[in-house]
N, C-alpha and C. Protein backbone atom coordinates (compact mmCIF):
# COMPACT_ATOMS: atom_id res chain seq x y z
N UNK A 1 -5.92 -147.40 -33.18
CA UNK A 1 -4.64 -147.02 -33.58
C UNK A 1 -4.43 -145.55 -33.31
N UNK A 2 -3.42 -145.48 -32.69
CA UNK A 2 -3.14 -144.11 -32.36
C UNK A 2 -2.72 -143.35 -33.58
N UNK A 3 -3.11 -142.21 -33.54
CA UNK A 3 -2.81 -141.32 -34.64
C UNK A 3 -1.42 -140.76 -34.43
N UNK A 4 -0.70 -140.71 -35.47
CA UNK A 4 0.66 -140.27 -35.31
C UNK A 4 0.73 -138.76 -35.14
N UNK A 5 -0.18 -138.18 -35.69
CA UNK A 5 -0.14 -136.74 -35.62
C UNK A 5 -0.43 -136.29 -34.18
N UNK A 6 -1.31 -136.93 -33.55
CA UNK A 6 -1.71 -136.52 -32.20
C UNK A 6 -0.92 -137.25 -31.14
N UNK A 7 0.12 -137.85 -31.56
CA UNK A 7 0.92 -138.61 -30.66
C UNK A 7 1.65 -137.72 -29.66
N UNK A 8 1.85 -136.60 -30.07
CA UNK A 8 2.58 -135.71 -29.19
C UNK A 8 1.67 -135.30 -28.05
N UNK A 9 2.24 -135.29 -26.98
CA UNK A 9 1.49 -134.90 -25.80
C UNK A 9 1.39 -133.38 -25.77
N UNK A 10 0.26 -132.96 -25.33
CA UNK A 10 0.04 -131.51 -25.23
C UNK A 10 0.95 -130.98 -24.14
N UNK A 11 1.50 -129.83 -24.41
CA UNK A 11 2.41 -129.30 -23.39
C UNK A 11 1.64 -129.03 -22.10
N UNK A 12 2.25 -129.25 -21.06
CA UNK A 12 1.63 -129.04 -19.75
C UNK A 12 1.49 -127.54 -19.51
N UNK A 13 0.38 -127.15 -18.92
CA UNK A 13 0.19 -125.71 -18.67
C UNK A 13 1.23 -125.21 -17.66
N UNK A 14 1.64 -124.01 -17.93
CA UNK A 14 2.64 -123.42 -17.05
C UNK A 14 1.94 -122.96 -15.79
N UNK A 15 2.52 -123.28 -14.73
CA UNK A 15 1.98 -122.86 -13.45
C UNK A 15 2.63 -121.55 -13.06
N UNK A 16 1.76 -120.64 -12.75
CA UNK A 16 2.30 -119.36 -12.29
C UNK A 16 2.63 -119.49 -10.83
N UNK A 17 3.67 -118.92 -10.50
CA UNK A 17 4.06 -118.97 -9.10
C UNK A 17 3.49 -117.73 -8.41
N UNK A 18 2.82 -117.97 -7.37
CA UNK A 18 2.23 -116.90 -6.61
C UNK A 18 3.17 -116.60 -5.46
N UNK A 19 3.55 -115.34 -5.40
CA UNK A 19 4.45 -114.95 -4.34
C UNK A 19 3.63 -114.75 -3.07
N UNK A 20 4.12 -115.29 -2.06
CA UNK A 20 3.47 -115.14 -0.78
C UNK A 20 3.87 -113.79 -0.21
N UNK A 21 2.87 -113.07 0.33
CA UNK A 21 3.22 -111.77 0.90
C UNK A 21 4.17 -111.95 2.08
N UNK A 22 4.99 -110.98 2.19
CA UNK A 22 5.94 -111.02 3.28
C UNK A 22 5.18 -110.86 4.59
N UNK A 23 5.63 -111.52 5.54
CA UNK A 23 4.96 -111.44 6.82
C UNK A 23 5.17 -110.05 7.40
N UNK A 24 4.04 -109.44 7.71
CA UNK A 24 4.10 -108.13 8.29
C UNK A 24 4.07 -108.29 9.79
N UNK A 25 5.03 -107.70 10.37
CA UNK A 25 5.07 -107.80 11.82
C UNK A 25 4.15 -106.73 12.39
N UNK A 26 3.17 -107.12 13.11
CA UNK A 26 2.26 -106.18 13.74
C UNK A 26 2.85 -105.82 15.09
N UNK A 27 3.18 -104.55 15.19
CA UNK A 27 3.77 -104.13 16.44
C UNK A 27 2.71 -104.18 17.54
N UNK A 28 1.54 -103.63 17.19
CA UNK A 28 0.43 -103.68 18.15
C UNK A 28 -0.83 -103.91 17.36
N UNK A 29 -1.63 -104.67 17.84
CA UNK A 29 -2.89 -104.92 17.16
C UNK A 29 -3.90 -103.91 17.71
N UNK A 30 -4.47 -103.07 16.78
CA UNK A 30 -5.44 -102.06 17.19
C UNK A 30 -6.82 -102.66 17.00
N UNK A 31 -7.51 -102.76 18.07
CA UNK A 31 -8.83 -103.35 18.03
C UNK A 31 -9.83 -102.20 17.88
N UNK A 32 -10.38 -101.99 16.69
CA UNK A 32 -11.30 -100.89 16.43
C UNK A 32 -12.69 -101.34 16.81
N UNK A 33 -13.18 -100.71 17.83
CA UNK A 33 -14.53 -100.99 18.28
C UNK A 33 -15.22 -99.66 18.50
N UNK A 34 -16.53 -99.59 18.23
CA UNK A 34 -17.23 -98.33 18.48
C UNK A 34 -17.24 -98.03 19.97
N UNK A 35 -17.01 -96.75 20.28
CA UNK A 35 -17.04 -96.35 21.68
C UNK A 35 -18.01 -95.17 21.80
N UNK A 36 -18.51 -94.97 22.94
CA UNK A 36 -19.56 -93.97 23.15
C UNK A 36 -19.10 -92.84 24.06
N UNK A 37 -17.86 -92.55 24.03
CA UNK A 37 -17.37 -91.43 24.81
C UNK A 37 -17.66 -90.14 24.07
N UNK A 38 -18.06 -89.12 24.82
CA UNK A 38 -18.33 -87.82 24.23
C UNK A 38 -17.08 -86.97 24.42
N UNK A 39 -16.59 -86.49 23.30
CA UNK A 39 -15.38 -85.68 23.36
C UNK A 39 -15.69 -84.24 23.69
N UNK A 40 -14.66 -83.48 23.90
CA UNK A 40 -14.79 -82.08 24.26
C UNK A 40 -15.45 -81.28 23.14
N UNK A 41 -15.10 -81.57 21.91
CA UNK A 41 -15.67 -80.84 20.77
C UNK A 41 -17.17 -81.11 20.67
N UNK A 42 -17.56 -82.36 20.82
CA UNK A 42 -18.99 -82.68 20.75
C UNK A 42 -19.75 -82.02 21.89
N UNK A 43 -19.15 -81.98 23.07
CA UNK A 43 -19.80 -81.35 24.21
C UNK A 43 -19.97 -79.85 23.98
N UNK A 44 -18.96 -79.19 23.45
CA UNK A 44 -19.05 -77.76 23.16
C UNK A 44 -20.10 -77.50 22.09
N UNK A 45 -20.15 -78.33 21.06
CA UNK A 45 -21.15 -78.16 20.00
C UNK A 45 -22.56 -78.34 20.57
N UNK A 46 -22.74 -79.30 21.43
CA UNK A 46 -24.05 -79.51 22.04
C UNK A 46 -24.46 -78.31 22.88
N UNK A 47 -23.53 -77.79 23.68
CA UNK A 47 -23.84 -76.63 24.51
C UNK A 47 -24.15 -75.41 23.67
N UNK A 48 -23.42 -75.21 22.59
CA UNK A 48 -23.71 -74.08 21.69
C UNK A 48 -25.09 -74.21 21.07
N UNK A 49 -25.42 -75.39 20.62
CA UNK A 49 -26.73 -75.62 20.02
C UNK A 49 -27.85 -75.41 21.05
N UNK A 50 -27.66 -75.92 22.25
CA UNK A 50 -28.66 -75.72 23.30
C UNK A 50 -28.79 -74.24 23.64
N UNK A 51 -27.68 -73.54 23.70
CA UNK A 51 -27.71 -72.11 23.99
C UNK A 51 -28.46 -71.33 22.93
N UNK A 52 -28.23 -71.66 21.68
CA UNK A 52 -28.93 -70.96 20.60
C UNK A 52 -30.43 -71.23 20.67
N UNK A 53 -30.81 -72.45 20.94
CA UNK A 53 -32.23 -72.80 21.06
C UNK A 53 -32.87 -72.03 22.21
N UNK A 54 -32.21 -72.01 23.36
CA UNK A 54 -32.78 -71.30 24.51
C UNK A 54 -32.87 -69.80 24.25
N UNK A 55 -31.86 -69.24 23.65
CA UNK A 55 -31.90 -67.80 23.34
C UNK A 55 -33.05 -67.51 22.39
N UNK A 56 -33.23 -68.33 21.39
CA UNK A 56 -34.30 -68.13 20.43
C UNK A 56 -35.66 -68.26 21.09
N UNK A 57 -35.87 -69.31 21.88
CA UNK A 57 -37.17 -69.56 22.50
C UNK A 57 -37.50 -68.46 23.50
N UNK A 58 -36.57 -68.15 24.40
CA UNK A 58 -36.85 -67.14 25.41
C UNK A 58 -36.92 -65.75 24.79
N UNK A 59 -36.14 -65.50 23.76
CA UNK A 59 -36.21 -64.21 23.06
C UNK A 59 -37.56 -64.01 22.41
N UNK A 60 -38.09 -65.05 21.80
CA UNK A 60 -39.41 -64.94 21.16
C UNK A 60 -40.50 -64.70 22.21
N UNK A 61 -40.40 -65.37 23.35
CA UNK A 61 -41.39 -65.16 24.40
C UNK A 61 -41.32 -63.74 24.94
N UNK A 62 -40.10 -63.23 25.14
CA UNK A 62 -39.95 -61.86 25.61
C UNK A 62 -40.50 -60.87 24.59
N UNK A 63 -40.26 -61.13 23.32
CA UNK A 63 -40.75 -60.24 22.27
C UNK A 63 -42.29 -60.24 22.25
N UNK A 64 -42.90 -61.39 22.46
CA UNK A 64 -44.36 -61.46 22.50
C UNK A 64 -44.91 -60.65 23.68
N UNK A 65 -44.25 -60.75 24.83
CA UNK A 65 -44.70 -59.98 26.00
C UNK A 65 -44.58 -58.48 25.74
N UNK A 66 -43.47 -58.06 25.13
CA UNK A 66 -43.27 -56.65 24.85
C UNK A 66 -44.29 -56.14 23.83
N UNK A 67 -44.60 -56.94 22.83
CA UNK A 67 -45.60 -56.54 21.84
C UNK A 67 -46.98 -56.40 22.50
N UNK A 68 -47.33 -57.32 23.38
CA UNK A 68 -48.62 -57.25 24.07
C UNK A 68 -48.68 -56.00 24.96
N UNK A 69 -47.58 -55.69 25.65
CA UNK A 69 -47.55 -54.51 26.50
C UNK A 69 -47.65 -53.24 25.65
N UNK A 70 -46.94 -53.22 24.52
CA UNK A 70 -47.00 -52.05 23.64
C UNK A 70 -48.40 -51.86 23.08
N UNK A 71 -49.06 -52.95 22.72
CA UNK A 71 -50.43 -52.86 22.22
C UNK A 71 -51.37 -52.30 23.29
N UNK A 72 -51.20 -52.73 24.53
CA UNK A 72 -52.02 -52.23 25.63
C UNK A 72 -51.80 -50.74 25.84
N UNK A 73 -50.53 -50.31 25.83
CA UNK A 73 -50.22 -48.89 26.00
C UNK A 73 -50.76 -48.06 24.84
N UNK A 74 -50.68 -48.61 23.64
CA UNK A 74 -51.20 -47.88 22.48
C UNK A 74 -52.72 -47.70 22.60
N UNK A 75 -53.40 -48.75 23.04
CA UNK A 75 -54.85 -48.65 23.20
C UNK A 75 -55.22 -47.61 24.26
N UNK A 76 -54.44 -47.56 25.35
CA UNK A 76 -54.70 -46.55 26.37
C UNK A 76 -54.48 -45.14 25.81
N UNK A 77 -53.44 -45.00 25.00
CA UNK A 77 -53.15 -43.68 24.43
C UNK A 77 -54.21 -43.29 23.40
N UNK A 78 -54.65 -44.22 22.58
CA UNK A 78 -55.67 -43.91 21.57
C UNK A 78 -57.00 -43.54 22.21
N UNK A 79 -57.24 -44.00 23.44
CA UNK A 79 -58.48 -43.63 24.12
C UNK A 79 -58.49 -42.15 24.51
N UNK A 80 -57.33 -41.57 24.72
CA UNK A 80 -57.30 -40.15 25.13
C UNK A 80 -57.10 -39.20 23.94
N UNK A 81 -56.84 -39.71 22.76
CA UNK A 81 -56.64 -38.83 21.60
C UNK A 81 -57.84 -37.91 21.35
N UNK A 82 -59.08 -38.38 21.47
CA UNK A 82 -60.21 -37.46 21.28
C UNK A 82 -60.24 -36.31 22.29
N UNK A 83 -59.60 -36.49 23.45
CA UNK A 83 -59.58 -35.42 24.46
C UNK A 83 -58.80 -34.20 23.94
N UNK A 84 -57.78 -34.43 23.13
CA UNK A 84 -57.05 -33.30 22.55
C UNK A 84 -57.99 -32.46 21.68
N UNK A 85 -58.81 -33.13 20.87
CA UNK A 85 -59.75 -32.41 20.00
C UNK A 85 -60.81 -31.69 20.84
N UNK A 86 -61.27 -32.32 21.92
CA UNK A 86 -62.26 -31.69 22.79
C UNK A 86 -61.71 -30.40 23.40
N UNK A 87 -60.49 -30.46 23.92
CA UNK A 87 -59.88 -29.28 24.53
C UNK A 87 -59.62 -28.22 23.47
N UNK A 88 -59.14 -28.64 22.31
CA UNK A 88 -58.84 -27.68 21.24
C UNK A 88 -60.11 -26.97 20.76
N UNK A 89 -61.20 -27.71 20.58
CA UNK A 89 -62.46 -27.09 20.16
C UNK A 89 -62.97 -26.11 21.21
N UNK A 90 -62.87 -26.51 22.46
CA UNK A 90 -63.32 -25.63 23.53
C UNK A 90 -62.45 -24.37 23.63
N UNK A 91 -61.15 -24.53 23.44
CA UNK A 91 -60.24 -23.37 23.50
C UNK A 91 -60.49 -22.43 22.33
N UNK A 92 -60.78 -22.98 21.14
CA UNK A 92 -61.10 -22.12 19.98
C UNK A 92 -62.39 -21.34 20.23
N UNK A 93 -63.37 -22.02 20.83
CA UNK A 93 -64.64 -21.35 21.14
C UNK A 93 -64.42 -20.26 22.19
N UNK A 94 -63.59 -20.52 23.17
CA UNK A 94 -63.27 -19.52 24.19
C UNK A 94 -62.58 -18.32 23.55
N UNK A 95 -61.64 -18.60 22.66
CA UNK A 95 -60.89 -17.52 22.00
C UNK A 95 -61.83 -16.68 21.13
N UNK A 96 -62.81 -17.30 20.50
CA UNK A 96 -63.76 -16.57 19.65
C UNK A 96 -64.65 -15.65 20.50
N UNK A 97 -64.98 -16.05 21.73
CA UNK A 97 -65.82 -15.23 22.61
C UNK A 97 -65.03 -14.14 23.33
N UNK A 98 -63.73 -14.33 23.46
CA UNK A 98 -62.91 -13.37 24.20
C UNK A 98 -62.72 -12.09 23.40
N UNK A 99 -62.93 -10.93 24.01
CA UNK A 99 -62.79 -9.67 23.27
C UNK A 99 -61.37 -9.41 22.77
N UNK A 100 -60.37 -10.01 23.41
CA UNK A 100 -58.98 -9.82 22.99
C UNK A 100 -58.45 -11.02 22.20
N UNK A 101 -59.32 -11.96 21.91
CA UNK A 101 -58.96 -13.20 21.19
C UNK A 101 -57.82 -13.94 21.88
N UNK A 102 -57.89 -13.98 23.19
CA UNK A 102 -56.85 -14.65 23.98
C UNK A 102 -57.27 -16.09 24.25
N UNK A 103 -56.26 -16.94 24.42
CA UNK A 103 -56.51 -18.32 24.81
C UNK A 103 -56.87 -18.35 26.29
N UNK A 104 -57.55 -19.39 26.73
CA UNK A 104 -57.81 -19.52 28.17
C UNK A 104 -56.48 -19.68 28.93
N UNK A 105 -56.46 -19.28 30.18
CA UNK A 105 -55.24 -19.39 30.97
C UNK A 105 -54.94 -20.82 31.39
N UNK A 106 -56.00 -21.59 31.63
CA UNK A 106 -55.82 -22.99 32.01
C UNK A 106 -57.04 -23.79 31.58
N UNK A 107 -56.99 -25.07 31.79
CA UNK A 107 -58.05 -25.96 31.31
C UNK A 107 -59.35 -25.78 32.11
N UNK A 108 -59.25 -25.31 33.34
CA UNK A 108 -60.43 -25.14 34.18
C UNK A 108 -61.34 -24.03 33.67
N UNK A 109 -60.81 -23.05 32.97
CA UNK A 109 -61.62 -21.94 32.45
C UNK A 109 -62.58 -22.38 31.34
N UNK A 110 -62.35 -23.52 30.78
CA UNK A 110 -63.18 -23.98 29.66
C UNK A 110 -64.40 -24.77 30.13
N UNK A 111 -64.52 -25.02 31.42
CA UNK A 111 -65.66 -25.75 31.98
C UNK A 111 -65.88 -27.10 31.29
N UNK A 112 -64.82 -27.87 31.15
CA UNK A 112 -64.90 -29.20 30.56
C UNK A 112 -65.06 -30.26 31.64
N UNK A 113 -65.66 -31.38 31.30
CA UNK A 113 -65.69 -32.47 32.28
C UNK A 113 -64.24 -32.94 32.52
N UNK A 114 -64.05 -33.69 33.57
CA UNK A 114 -62.71 -34.15 33.91
C UNK A 114 -62.18 -35.07 32.81
N UNK A 115 -61.11 -34.68 32.17
CA UNK A 115 -60.52 -35.45 31.07
C UNK A 115 -59.39 -36.35 31.55
N UNK A 116 -58.97 -36.18 32.76
CA UNK A 116 -57.85 -36.96 33.28
C UNK A 116 -58.22 -38.43 33.43
N UNK A 117 -57.25 -39.28 33.20
CA UNK A 117 -57.39 -40.72 33.39
C UNK A 117 -56.32 -41.15 34.38
N UNK A 118 -56.36 -42.38 34.84
CA UNK A 118 -55.27 -42.82 35.74
C UNK A 118 -53.89 -42.74 35.09
N UNK A 119 -53.83 -42.85 33.77
CA UNK A 119 -52.54 -42.85 33.08
C UNK A 119 -52.10 -41.47 32.59
N UNK A 120 -53.05 -40.54 32.38
CA UNK A 120 -52.74 -39.24 31.80
C UNK A 120 -53.45 -38.11 32.55
N UNK A 121 -52.75 -36.99 32.65
CA UNK A 121 -53.37 -35.77 33.16
C UNK A 121 -53.26 -34.71 32.07
N UNK A 122 -54.32 -33.93 31.90
CA UNK A 122 -54.37 -32.91 30.85
C UNK A 122 -54.16 -31.52 31.45
N UNK A 123 -53.51 -30.69 30.66
CA UNK A 123 -53.34 -29.28 31.04
C UNK A 123 -53.37 -28.44 29.77
N UNK A 124 -53.56 -27.14 29.96
CA UNK A 124 -53.62 -26.21 28.83
C UNK A 124 -52.74 -25.01 29.17
N UNK A 125 -51.93 -24.62 28.22
CA UNK A 125 -51.08 -23.45 28.43
C UNK A 125 -51.66 -22.28 27.64
N UNK A 126 -51.44 -21.09 28.12
CA UNK A 126 -52.06 -19.91 27.51
C UNK A 126 -51.53 -19.57 26.12
N UNK A 127 -50.54 -20.33 25.64
CA UNK A 127 -50.06 -20.12 24.27
C UNK A 127 -50.76 -21.05 23.27
N UNK A 128 -51.79 -21.75 23.72
CA UNK A 128 -52.58 -22.58 22.82
C UNK A 128 -52.05 -23.99 22.65
N UNK A 129 -51.47 -24.53 23.70
CA UNK A 129 -50.92 -25.89 23.65
C UNK A 129 -51.63 -26.76 24.68
N UNK A 130 -52.17 -27.88 24.21
CA UNK A 130 -52.80 -28.87 25.09
C UNK A 130 -51.73 -29.92 25.41
N UNK A 131 -51.57 -30.25 26.68
CA UNK A 131 -50.53 -31.20 27.09
C UNK A 131 -51.16 -32.34 27.88
N UNK A 132 -50.80 -33.57 27.48
CA UNK A 132 -51.16 -34.76 28.24
C UNK A 132 -49.86 -35.31 28.83
N UNK A 133 -49.83 -35.46 30.13
CA UNK A 133 -48.63 -35.94 30.82
C UNK A 133 -48.91 -37.31 31.43
N UNK A 134 -47.98 -38.25 31.23
CA UNK A 134 -48.18 -39.60 31.77
C UNK A 134 -47.95 -39.62 33.26
N UNK A 135 -48.61 -40.57 33.92
CA UNK A 135 -48.44 -40.79 35.36
C UNK A 135 -47.75 -42.13 35.57
N UNK A 136 -47.56 -42.50 36.82
CA UNK A 136 -46.93 -43.79 37.13
C UNK A 136 -47.76 -44.96 36.62
N UNK A 137 -49.06 -44.77 36.53
CA UNK A 137 -49.95 -45.85 36.07
C UNK A 137 -49.66 -46.24 34.63
N UNK A 138 -49.12 -45.33 33.85
CA UNK A 138 -48.77 -45.61 32.47
C UNK A 138 -47.53 -46.50 32.39
N UNK A 139 -46.71 -46.43 33.39
CA UNK A 139 -45.48 -47.22 33.40
C UNK A 139 -44.24 -46.36 33.50
N UNK A 140 -44.36 -45.12 33.07
CA UNK A 140 -43.26 -44.16 33.19
C UNK A 140 -43.88 -42.79 33.34
N UNK A 141 -43.43 -42.08 34.32
CA UNK A 141 -44.00 -40.78 34.65
C UNK A 141 -43.26 -39.68 33.90
N UNK A 142 -44.00 -38.70 33.42
CA UNK A 142 -43.39 -37.49 32.89
C UNK A 142 -43.29 -37.36 31.39
N UNK A 143 -43.81 -38.30 30.63
CA UNK A 143 -43.81 -38.14 29.17
C UNK A 143 -44.91 -37.14 28.83
N UNK A 144 -44.56 -36.12 28.05
CA UNK A 144 -45.55 -35.10 27.69
C UNK A 144 -45.83 -35.17 26.19
N UNK A 145 -47.12 -35.25 25.88
CA UNK A 145 -47.57 -35.17 24.50
C UNK A 145 -48.24 -33.81 24.34
N UNK A 146 -47.65 -32.97 23.51
CA UNK A 146 -48.13 -31.60 23.32
C UNK A 146 -48.84 -31.49 21.98
N UNK A 147 -49.99 -30.85 22.00
CA UNK A 147 -50.74 -30.58 20.78
C UNK A 147 -50.87 -29.07 20.65
N UNK A 148 -50.25 -28.53 19.61
CA UNK A 148 -50.33 -27.09 19.36
C UNK A 148 -51.52 -26.83 18.45
N UNK A 149 -52.48 -26.08 18.96
CA UNK A 149 -53.74 -25.87 18.25
C UNK A 149 -53.53 -25.05 16.98
N UNK A 150 -52.74 -24.01 17.05
CA UNK A 150 -52.56 -23.13 15.89
C UNK A 150 -51.96 -23.85 14.69
N UNK A 151 -50.98 -24.71 14.92
CA UNK A 151 -50.33 -25.41 13.80
C UNK A 151 -50.89 -26.81 13.59
N UNK A 152 -51.82 -27.23 14.46
CA UNK A 152 -52.43 -28.56 14.37
C UNK A 152 -51.35 -29.65 14.31
N UNK A 153 -50.41 -29.60 15.26
CA UNK A 153 -49.31 -30.57 15.26
C UNK A 153 -49.05 -31.09 16.67
N UNK A 154 -48.53 -32.30 16.72
CA UNK A 154 -48.18 -32.95 17.97
C UNK A 154 -46.66 -33.01 18.09
N UNK A 155 -46.18 -33.03 19.31
CA UNK A 155 -44.79 -33.41 19.56
C UNK A 155 -44.74 -34.14 20.90
N UNK A 156 -43.75 -34.99 21.03
CA UNK A 156 -43.60 -35.82 22.22
C UNK A 156 -42.34 -35.40 22.94
N UNK A 157 -42.47 -35.10 24.21
CA UNK A 157 -41.33 -34.71 25.04
C UNK A 157 -41.13 -35.80 26.09
N UNK A 158 -40.18 -36.70 25.80
CA UNK A 158 -39.89 -37.81 26.69
C UNK A 158 -38.57 -37.52 27.40
N UNK A 159 -38.57 -37.42 28.74
CA UNK A 159 -37.33 -37.12 29.44
C UNK A 159 -36.28 -38.22 29.33
N UNK A 160 -36.70 -39.46 29.12
CA UNK A 160 -35.77 -40.58 28.97
C UNK A 160 -36.27 -41.49 27.84
N UNK A 161 -35.99 -41.13 26.58
CA UNK A 161 -36.55 -41.88 25.46
C UNK A 161 -35.96 -43.28 25.28
N UNK A 162 -34.87 -43.60 25.97
CA UNK A 162 -34.26 -44.92 25.81
C UNK A 162 -34.89 -45.98 26.70
N UNK A 163 -35.60 -45.55 27.75
CA UNK A 163 -36.23 -46.52 28.64
C UNK A 163 -37.70 -46.69 28.25
N UNK A 164 -38.18 -47.90 28.46
CA UNK A 164 -39.56 -48.21 28.12
C UNK A 164 -40.44 -47.96 29.31
N UNK A 165 -41.69 -47.71 29.16
CA UNK A 165 -42.47 -47.60 27.93
C UNK A 165 -42.28 -46.22 27.29
N UNK A 166 -42.58 -46.19 26.00
CA UNK A 166 -42.48 -44.95 25.25
C UNK A 166 -43.78 -44.73 24.48
N UNK A 167 -43.97 -43.51 24.05
CA UNK A 167 -45.10 -43.19 23.15
C UNK A 167 -44.48 -42.93 21.79
N UNK A 168 -44.95 -43.66 20.81
CA UNK A 168 -44.37 -43.57 19.47
C UNK A 168 -45.09 -42.52 18.63
N UNK A 169 -44.36 -41.91 17.73
CA UNK A 169 -44.93 -40.90 16.85
C UNK A 169 -46.04 -41.46 15.95
N UNK A 170 -45.91 -42.73 15.57
CA UNK A 170 -46.93 -43.28 14.67
C UNK A 170 -48.25 -43.55 15.39
N UNK A 171 -48.30 -43.40 16.70
CA UNK A 171 -49.56 -43.52 17.42
C UNK A 171 -50.41 -42.27 17.26
N UNK A 172 -49.80 -41.19 16.87
CA UNK A 172 -50.51 -39.91 16.72
C UNK A 172 -51.17 -39.86 15.36
N UNK A 173 -52.39 -39.46 15.30
CA UNK A 173 -53.10 -39.33 14.01
C UNK A 173 -52.79 -37.97 13.42
N UNK A 174 -51.69 -37.91 12.70
CA UNK A 174 -51.30 -36.63 12.13
C UNK A 174 -51.72 -36.54 10.68
């Protein structure tokens, strides 16, 4: 027996109406596919990066060569530093023996062994200055390193200090 209370039919569920999207007219269909063309910006960036790498690599190699050359020149210069002391000691001894306490007129008066090297020639001036002058073998001709005996000081006279090779002040043991 049907129940009177439940006799009523359950209301039917409401159906929602779904609106269909309006048809979009595609004027042109764009087919997006990966492409491998290199653009101008990418090419410029690549060239800039390659340029920086080459500058860095070749710059470092050049710097290593310059450091090696400077070390070689420094070693050659340090080999002649004792010659300044030898000439100075001999000149002081000459001055002590001289009745007028005069310096020798030139380096030959001191009867020293040959102090010249392929890279440097030595001379002595009568005012008490020992001079070492570079030759072509050093790499640049005409750099003069003067040692004044009375003041115990060095100075460097480079006719062209902007061109290499040079003799640096820190090479002198002052």
